[in-house]
Protein backbone atom coordinates (compact mmCIF):
# COMPACT_ATOMS: atom_id res chain seq x y z
CA UNK A 1 0.00 0.00 0.00
CA UNK A 2 2.76 2.43 0.85
CA UNK A 3 4.54 1.81 -2.45
CA UNK A 4 1.32 2.25 -4.42
CA UNK A 5 0.66 5.55 -2.61
CA UNK A 6 4.23 6.71 -3.27
CA UNK A 7 3.70 6.00 -6.97
CA UNK A 8 0.55 8.13 -7.00
CA UNK A 9 -2.14 5.45 -6.87
CA UNK A 10 -5.47 5.86 -5.12
CA UNK A 11 -5.45 3.04 -2.57
CA UNK A 12 -8.59 1.33 -1.28
CA UNK A 13 -8.33 -1.44 1.29
CA UNK A 14 -10.43 -3.56 3.59
CA UNK A 15 -9.77 -3.72 7.30
CA UNK A 16 -11.37 -4.17 10.66
CA UNK A 17 -12.07 -1.02 12.68
CA UNK A 18 -9.09 -1.86 14.91
CA UNK A 19 -6.72 -1.09 12.03
CA UNK A 20 -8.41 2.01 10.63
CA UNK A 21 -6.27 4.54 12.50
CA UNK A 22 -3.00 2.99 11.30
CA UNK A 23 -4.20 2.87 7.71
CA UNK A 24 -5.27 6.51 7.88
CA UNK A 25 -1.78 7.42 9.11
CA UNK A 26 -0.34 5.56 6.11
CA UNK A 27 -2.45 7.74 3.81
CA UNK A 28 -4.87 5.11 2.53
CA UNK A 29 -7.60 6.83 0.51
CA UNK A 30 -10.55 4.60 1.36
CA UNK A 31 -10.87 2.02 4.12
CA UNK A 32 -13.77 -0.42 3.94
CA UNK A 33 -14.88 -2.23 7.09
CA UNK A 34 -15.24 -5.78 5.82
CA UNK A 35 -17.40 -6.69 8.82
CA UNK A 36 -20.21 -4.39 7.72
CA UNK A 37 -19.69 -3.55 4.04
CA UNK A 38 -19.25 -5.65 0.91
CA UNK A 39 -16.48 -4.26 -1.28
CA UNK A 40 -18.61 -4.66 -4.42
CA UNK A 41 -21.22 -2.36 -2.87
CA UNK A 42 -18.83 0.60 -2.66
CA UNK A 43 -16.10 -0.01 -5.27
CA UNK A 44 -17.03 -0.36 -8.91
CA UNK A 45 -14.18 0.78 -11.13
CA UNK A 46 -10.55 -0.06 -10.38
CA UNK A 47 -7.47 -0.68 -12.50
CA UNK A 48 -5.95 -3.42 -10.35
CA UNK A 49 -6.76 -5.64 -7.40
CA UNK A 50 -4.17 -7.31 -5.20
């Protein structure tokens, strides 16, 4: 994630609420709580998935 951000990518990831603060500090653009939200419900167009 950090490399992708450094290269200028918009980064979207899934995580539990316990990890949200760390991911925000890393500059992640969108954090999806996989306990409550299906990724397909909020992300529709991406260039790559890892």
